[in-house]
Amino acid sequence: MSGERRRREPKGFTDRELDIMSVLWRDGSGTVAEVRDALGEEVGYTTVLKMLQILEEKGAVGHEQEGRAYRYFPLVESERAGGRALSRIVNKIFHGSAEMLLATLVEGREFTDEELRRMRAVLDRVERRGEE
């Protein structure tokens, strides 16, 4: 898979895999040492290496040779993986209710006028799409 950067369908991630994917999505790529440092926890080099190998087997990451190390990069987009994970949460925790999820996300939080405007714009787009 070296040098090949195809986008694939995301697979389900464990919590630790999601931590590693988050680093790769944020930074674009990373060596085992860079990912380990970015996690900011007491996690061993070999643990991060094994997790990256598992993610590669799942088709979530690829790698390129960089000197003596491998540089890993995501093959799935965070938005697609996030959308799939969020759908699972809506179905399992909120019994399929997007309204319950939205209420949980926004109640008790402070938003700027601009954030509220952008959220309303998203809801307006969804409403218009439903009317078509």
C-alpha atoms as a PDB file:
ATOM      1  CA  MET A   1       0.000   0.000   0.000  1.00  0.00           C
ATOM      2  CA  SER A   2       3.069   2.198   0.127  1.00  0.00           C
ATOM      3  CA  GLY A   3       2.538   5.467  -1.722  1.00  0.00           C
ATOM      4  CA  GLU A   4      -1.111   4.737  -2.415  1.00  0.00           C
ATOM      5  CA  ARG A   5      -3.609   7.184  -0.905  1.00  0.00           C
ATOM      6  CA  ARG A   6      -7.088   5.894  -1.702  1.00  0.00           C
ATOM      7  CA  ARG A   7     -10.109   6.854   0.372  1.00  0.00           C
ATOM      8  CA  ARG A   8     -12.005   3.875   1.738  1.00  0.00           C
ATOM      9  CA  GLU A   9     -15.148   3.126   3.630  1.00  0.00           C
ATOM     10  CA  PRO A  10     -14.486   3.686   7.329  1.00  0.00           C
ATOM     11  CA  LYS A  11     -14.589   0.777   9.717  1.00  0.00           C
ATOM     12  CA  GLY A  12     -15.558   0.877  13.376  1.00  0.00           C
ATOM     13  CA  PHE A  13     -12.787   2.052  15.680  1.00  0.00           C
ATOM     14  CA  THR A  14     -11.950   1.156  19.274  1.00  0.00           C
ATOM     15  CA  ASP A  15     -11.311   4.074  21.635  1.00  0.00           C
ATOM     16  CA  ARG A  16      -7.510   3.747  21.284  1.00  0.00           C
ATOM     17  CA  GLU A  17      -7.774   3.452  17.480  1.00  0.00           C
ATOM     18  CA  LEU A  18      -9.920   6.576  17.441  1.00  0.00           C
ATOM     19  CA  ASP A  19      -7.288   8.399  19.521  1.00  0.00           C
ATOM     20  CA  ILE A  20      -4.642   7.482  16.952  1.00  0.00           C
ATOM     21  CA  MET A  21      -6.868   8.330  13.978  1.00  0.00           C
ATOM     22  CA  SER A  22      -7.594  11.694  15.581  1.00  0.00           C
ATOM     23  CA  VAL A  23      -3.872  12.477  15.617  1.00  0.00           C
ATOM     24  CA  LEU A  24      -3.496  11.444  11.970  1.00  0.00           C
ATOM     25  CA  TRP A  25      -6.568  13.433  10.885  1.00  0.00           C
ATOM     26  CA  ARG A  26      -5.340  16.526  12.729  1.00  0.00           C
ATOM     27  CA  ASP A  27      -1.699  16.298  11.628  1.00  0.00           C
ATOM     28  CA  GLY A  28      -2.184  14.669   8.208  1.00  0.00           C
ATOM     29  CA  SER A  29       0.373  11.943   8.913  1.00  0.00           C
ATOM     30  CA  GLY A  30       2.847  10.768  11.502  1.00  0.00           C
ATOM     31  CA  THR A  31       5.551   8.285  12.365  1.00  0.00           C
ATOM     32  CA  VAL A  32       5.015   5.936  15.286  1.00  0.00           C
ATOM     33  CA  ALA A  33       7.116   8.226  17.498  1.00  0.00           C
ATOM     34  CA  GLU A  34       5.198  11.349  16.410  1.00  0.00           C
ATOM     35  CA  VAL A  35       1.826   9.712  17.035  1.00  0.00           C
ATOM     36  CA  ARG A  36       3.019   8.434  20.418  1.00  0.00           C
ATOM     37  CA  ASP A  37       4.194  11.923  21.406  1.00  0.00           C
ATOM     38  CA  ALA A  38       0.943  13.508  20.212  1.00  0.00           C
ATOM     39  CA  LEU A  39      -1.123  11.143  22.356  1.00  0.00           C
ATOM     40  CA  GLY A  40       0.508  12.748  25.383  1.00  0.00           C
ATOM     41  CA  GLU A  41       0.022   9.681  27.541  1.00  0.00           C
ATOM     42  CA  GLU A  42       2.162   6.926  28.897  1.00  0.00           C
ATOM     43  CA  VAL A  43       1.695   4.617  25.940  1.00  0.00           C
ATOM     44  CA  GLY A  44       4.462   2.414  24.651  1.00  0.00           C
ATOM     45  CA  TYR A  45       6.069   2.686  21.244  1.00  0.00           C
ATOM     46  CA  THR A  46       5.249  -0.939  20.434  1.00  0.00           C
ATOM     47  CA  THR A  47       1.600  -0.414  21.437  1.00  0.00           C
ATOM     48  CA  VAL A  48       1.256   2.508  19.020  1.00  0.00           C
ATOM     49  CA  LEU A  49       3.057   0.512  16.310  1.00  0.00           C
ATOM     50  CA  LYS A  50       0.719  -2.459  16.783  1.00  0.00           C
ATOM     51  CA  MET A  51      -2.364  -0.214  16.721  1.00  0.00           C
ATOM     52  CA  LEU A  52      -1.170   1.443  13.493  1.00  0.00           C
ATOM     53  CA  GLN A  53      -0.617  -2.015  11.979  1.00  0.00           C
ATOM     54  CA  ILE A  54      -4.142  -3.035  12.982  1.00  0.00           C
ATOM     55  CA  LEU A  55      -5.534   0.181  11.509  1.00  0.00           C
ATOM     56  CA  GLU A  56      -3.649  -0.565   8.313  1.00  0.00           C
ATOM     57  CA  GLU A  57      -5.130  -4.084   8.197  1.00  0.00           C
ATOM     58  CA  LYS A  58      -8.584  -2.507   8.584  1.00  0.00           C
ATOM     59  CA  GLY A  59      -7.853  -0.251   5.623  1.00  0.00           C
ATOM     60  CA  ALA A  60      -8.008   2.912   7.729  1.00  0.00           C
ATOM     61  CA  VAL A  61      -4.372   3.982   7.306  1.00  0.00           C
ATOM     62  CA  GLY A  62      -1.574   3.509   4.824  1.00  0.00           C
ATOM     63  CA  HIS A  63       2.135   4.124   5.103  1.00  0.00           C
ATOM     64  CA  GLU A  64       5.110   5.387   3.131  1.00  0.00           C
ATOM     65  CA  GLN A  65       8.768   4.679   3.799  1.00  0.00           C
ATOM     66  CA  GLU A  66      10.517   7.718   5.264  1.00  0.00           C
ATOM     67  CA  GLY A  67      14.170   6.987   5.902  1.00  0.00           C
ATOM     68  CA  ARG A  68      14.231   4.093   8.332  1.00  0.00           C
ATOM     69  CA  ALA A  69      10.704   4.779   9.606  1.00  0.00           C
ATOM     70  CA  TYR A  70       7.217   4.525   8.189  1.00  0.00           C
ATOM     71  CA  ARG A  71       5.029   7.606   7.906  1.00  0.00           C
ATOM     72  CA  TYR A  72       1.373   6.671   8.430  1.00  0.00           C
ATOM     73  CA  PHE A  73      -1.525   8.622   6.899  1.00  0.00           C
ATOM     74  CA  PRO A  74      -5.294   8.230   7.089  1.00  0.00           C
ATOM     75  CA  LEU A  75      -7.155   6.535   4.237  1.00  0.00           C
ATOM     76  CA  VAL A  76     -10.576   7.386   5.637  1.00  0.00           C
ATOM     77  CA  GLU A  77     -11.894  10.901   6.076  1.00  0.00           C
ATOM     78  CA  SER A  78     -12.775  12.021   9.579  1.00  0.00           C
ATOM     79  CA  GLU A  79     -16.189  13.282   8.444  1.00  0.00           C
ATOM     80  CA  ARG A  80     -17.151   9.886   7.021  1.00  0.00           C
ATOM     81  CA  ALA A  81     -15.892   7.984  10.044  1.00  0.00           C
ATOM     82  CA  GLY A  82     -17.548  10.510  12.351  1.00  0.00           C
ATOM     83  CA  GLY A  83     -20.819  10.265  10.490  1.00  0.00           C
ATOM     84  CA  ARG A  84     -20.848   6.503  10.773  1.00  0.00           C
ATOM     85  CA  ALA A  85     -19.961   6.604  14.483  1.00  0.00           C
ATOM     86  CA  LEU A  86     -22.591   9.258  15.123  1.00  0.00           C
ATOM     87  CA  SER A  87     -25.233   7.156  13.372  1.00  0.00           C
ATOM     88  CA  ARG A  88     -24.368   4.276  15.703  1.00  0.00           C
ATOM     89  CA  ILE A  89     -24.694   6.580  18.715  1.00  0.00           C
ATOM     90  CA  VAL A  90     -28.051   7.943  17.534  1.00  0.00           C
ATOM     91  CA  ASN A  91     -29.373   4.424  17.038  1.00  0.00           C
ATOM     92  CA  LYS A  92     -27.951   2.840  20.201  1.00  0.00           C
ATOM     93  CA  ILE A  93     -28.147   5.662  22.747  1.00  0.00           C
ATOM     94  CA  PHE A  94     -30.895   7.934  21.437  1.00  0.00           C
ATOM     95  CA  HIS A  95     -33.084   5.157  19.976  1.00  0.00           C
ATOM     96  CA  GLY A  96     -32.866   6.655  16.498  1.00  0.00           C
ATOM     97  CA  SER A  97     -33.906  10.152  17.583  1.00  0.00           C
ATOM     98  CA  ALA A  98     -31.745  12.871  16.035  1.00  0.00           C
ATOM     99  CA  GLU A  99     -33.838  15.377  18.010  1.00  0.00           C
ATOM    100  CA  MET A 100     -32.736  13.817  21.316  1.00  0.00           C
ATOM    101  CA  LEU A 101     -29.116  13.926  20.152  1.00  0.00           C
ATOM    102  CA  LEU A 102     -29.401  17.590  19.143  1.00  0.00           C
ATOM    103  CA  ALA A 103     -31.013  18.510  22.462  1.00  0.00           C
ATOM    104  CA  THR A 104     -28.207  16.746  24.343  1.00  0.00           C
ATOM    105  CA  LEU A 105     -25.574  18.563  22.291  1.00  0.00           C
ATOM    106  CA  VAL A 106     -26.933  22.085  22.717  1.00  0.00           C
ATOM    107  CA  GLU A 107     -28.799  22.313  26.020  1.00  0.00           C
ATOM    108  CA  GLY A 108     -26.825  23.909  28.805  1.00  0.00           C
ATOM    109  CA  ARG A 109     -24.111  25.237  26.502  1.00  0.00           C
ATOM    110  CA  GLU A 110     -23.330  28.831  25.556  1.00  0.00           C
ATOM    111  CA  PHE A 111     -23.098  29.744  21.857  1.00  0.00           C
ATOM    112  CA  THR A 112     -22.075  32.898  20.060  1.00  0.00           C
ATOM    113  CA  ASP A 113     -24.543  34.571  17.721  1.00  0.00           C
ATOM    114  CA  GLU A 114     -22.417  33.386  14.791  1.00  0.00           C
ATOM    115  CA  GLU A 115     -22.483  29.765  15.962  1.00  0.00           C
ATOM    116  CA  LEU A 116     -26.267  29.917  16.335  1.00  0.00           C
ATOM    117  CA  ARG A 117     -26.600  31.448  12.869  1.00  0.00           C
ATOM    118  CA  ARG A 118     -24.536  28.644  11.321  1.00  0.00           C
ATOM    119  CA  MET A 119     -26.539  25.977  13.173  1.00  0.00           C
ATOM    120  CA  ARG A 120     -29.817  27.506  11.980  1.00  0.00           C
ATOM    121  CA  ALA A 121     -28.448  27.561   8.429  1.00  0.00           C
ATOM    122  CA  VAL A 122     -27.727  23.823   8.641  1.00  0.00           C
ATOM    123  CA  LEU A 123     -31.253  23.121   9.892  1.00  0.00           C
ATOM    124  CA  ASP A 124     -32.698  25.348   7.144  1.00  0.00           C
ATOM    125  CA  ARG A 125     -30.745  23.392   4.494  1.00  0.00           C
ATOM    126  CA  VAL A 126     -32.052  20.118   5.879  1.00  0.00           C
ATOM    127  CA  GLU A 127     -35.604  21.480   5.883  1.00  0.00           C
ATOM    128  CA  ARG A 128     -35.324  22.671   2.267  1.00  0.00           C
ATOM    129  CA  ARG A 129     -33.886  19.323   1.214  1.00  0.00           C
ATOM    130  CA  GLY A 130     -36.908  17.601   2.774  1.00  0.00           C
ATOM    131  CA  GLU A 131     -39.294  19.837   0.829  1.00  0.00           C
ATOM    132  CA  GLU A 132     -37.745  18.956  -2.540  1.00  0.00           C
END
